[in-house]
């Protein structure tokens, strides 16, 4: 557990020092996409990739929340708190449905 916290802190420290935590959502989306590509197309240690993705999800969530709730004049989508909660809930439901269907497909192929 201590090792995991040290890895997380080591990755977060430069982000905090250089103020990178406040970049736009698309930057964090790109970085998470690069981690995903690295997972599938490189032999980079999976534990390292997990922790990089784990650390990037915090600022991604914050900037995505800002994108949904801020007024259009400030670069947001102006959904407000209820609207953004509905959007995030819809995304969550979509992922759950996808996961259930994918698992059923795998079970049918095995049988």
Protein backbone atom coordinates (compact mmCIF):
# COMPACT_ATOMS: atom_id res chain seq x y z
CA UNK A 1 0.00 0.00 0.00
CA UNK A 2 2.85 2.37 0.81
CA UNK A 3 4.44 1.67 -2.58
CA UNK A 4 1.19 2.58 -4.34
CA UNK A 5 0.93 5.85 -2.43
CA UNK A 6 4.53 6.74 -3.18
CA UNK A 7 4.00 6.09 -6.90
CA UNK A 8 0.84 8.21 -6.85
CA UNK A 9 2.62 11.03 -5.01
CA UNK A 10 5.60 10.88 -7.37
CA UNK A 11 3.32 11.28 -10.38
CA UNK A 12 1.14 13.98 -8.79
CA UNK A 13 3.95 16.18 -7.44
CA UNK A 14 5.13 17.56 -10.79
CA UNK A 15 1.52 18.12 -11.82
CA UNK A 16 0.91 20.19 -8.69
CA UNK A 17 4.21 22.08 -8.86
CA UNK A 18 3.76 23.16 -12.47
CA UNK A 19 0.03 23.83 -12.19
CA UNK A 20 -0.84 21.17 -14.75
CA UNK A 21 -3.89 20.12 -12.74
CA UNK A 22 -5.86 22.97 -14.25
CA UNK A 23 -5.49 22.16 -17.93
CA UNK A 24 -8.58 21.81 -20.13
CA UNK A 25 -10.48 18.52 -20.27
CA UNK A 26 -9.26 17.69 -23.76
CA UNK A 27 -5.63 17.64 -22.57
CA UNK A 28 -6.43 15.03 -19.92
CA UNK A 29 -8.53 13.08 -22.40
CA UNK A 30 -5.55 13.01 -24.74
CA UNK A 31 -3.20 11.91 -21.95
CA UNK A 32 -5.56 9.13 -20.85
CA UNK A 33 -5.86 8.07 -24.50
CA UNK A 34 -2.08 7.87 -24.74
CA UNK A 35 -2.02 5.66 -21.65
CA UNK A 36 -4.64 3.42 -23.27
CA UNK A 37 -2.61 3.20 -26.48
CA UNK A 38 0.51 2.43 -24.47
CA UNK A 39 -1.36 -0.39 -22.72
CA UNK A 40 -2.31 -2.06 -26.01
CA UNK A 41 0.72 -1.32 -28.16
CA UNK A 42 3.75 -1.25 -25.86
CA UNK A 43 5.35 -3.41 -23.23
CA UNK A 44 5.39 -0.66 -20.60
CA UNK A 45 4.81 -2.05 -17.12
CA UNK A 46 1.05 -2.44 -16.54
CA UNK A 47 1.32 -1.31 -12.93
CA UNK A 48 2.97 1.94 -14.01
CA UNK A 49 0.31 2.52 -16.66
CA UNK A 50 -2.42 1.86 -14.08
CA UNK A 51 -1.01 4.44 -11.70
CA UNK A 52 -0.52 7.03 -14.43
CA UNK A 53 -4.14 6.54 -15.50
CA UNK A 54 -5.30 6.56 -11.87
CA UNK A 55 -3.56 9.86 -11.18
CA UNK A 56 -4.86 11.45 -14.39
CA UNK A 57 -8.47 10.58 -13.59
CA UNK A 58 -8.64 13.06 -10.70
CA UNK A 59 -7.86 16.21 -12.72
CA UNK A 60 -9.84 14.78 -15.66
CA UNK A 61 -12.92 14.43 -13.45
CA UNK A 62 -12.51 17.93 -12.07
CA UNK A 63 -12.05 19.58 -15.45
CA UNK A 64 -14.87 17.51 -17.00
CA UNK A 65 -17.15 18.63 -14.17
CA UNK A 66 -16.15 22.23 -14.84
CA UNK A 67 -16.84 21.76 -18.54
CA UNK A 68 -20.35 20.52 -17.82
CA UNK A 69 -21.31 23.10 -15.19
CA UNK A 70 -19.66 26.38 -16.21
CA UNK A 71 -21.53 28.93 -18.34
CA UNK A 72 -20.98 28.89 -22.08
CA UNK A 73 -19.28 32.30 -21.86
CA UNK A 74 -16.63 30.69 -19.64
CA UNK A 75 -16.06 27.76 -21.98
CA UNK A 76 -18.51 25.35 -20.35
CA UNK A 77 -21.72 23.65 -21.48
CA UNK A 78 -23.95 25.27 -18.81
CA UNK A 79 -25.75 22.07 -17.78
CA UNK A 80 -25.73 23.07 -14.12
CA UNK A 81 -25.37 20.59 -11.30
CA UNK A 82 -28.54 18.62 -12.05
CA UNK A 83 -27.88 18.45 -15.78
CA UNK A 84 -24.27 17.41 -15.29
CA UNK A 85 -25.36 14.75 -12.80
CA UNK A 86 -27.78 13.39 -15.40
CA UNK A 87 -25.06 13.35 -18.05
CA UNK A 88 -22.59 11.57 -15.76
CA UNK A 89 -25.30 9.15 -14.62
CA UNK A 90 -26.13 8.40 -18.25
CA UNK A 91 -22.47 7.70 -19.01
CA UNK A 92 -22.28 5.39 -15.99
CA UNK A 93 -25.41 3.49 -17.04
CA UNK A 94 -24.06 3.17 -20.59
CA UNK A 95 -20.80 1.66 -19.31
CA UNK A 96 -22.66 -0.78 -17.05
CA UNK A 97 -24.94 -1.89 -19.90
CA UNK A 98 -21.96 -2.31 -22.22
CA UNK A 99 -20.07 -4.36 -19.62
CA UNK A 100 -23.04 -6.64 -18.94
CA UNK A 101 -23.63 -7.23 -22.65
CA UNK A 102 -19.95 -7.90 -23.32
CA UNK A 103 -19.79 -10.41 -20.47
CA UNK A 104 -22.93 -12.20 -21.69
CA UNK A 105 -21.41 -12.41 -25.16
CA UNK A 106 -18.24 -13.99 -23.74
CA UNK A 107 -20.29 -16.47 -21.68
CA UNK A 108 -22.29 -17.49 -24.78
CA UNK A 109 -19.09 -18.05 -26.77
CA UNK A 110 -17.62 -20.24 -24.02
CA UNK A 111 -20.72 -22.46 -23.76
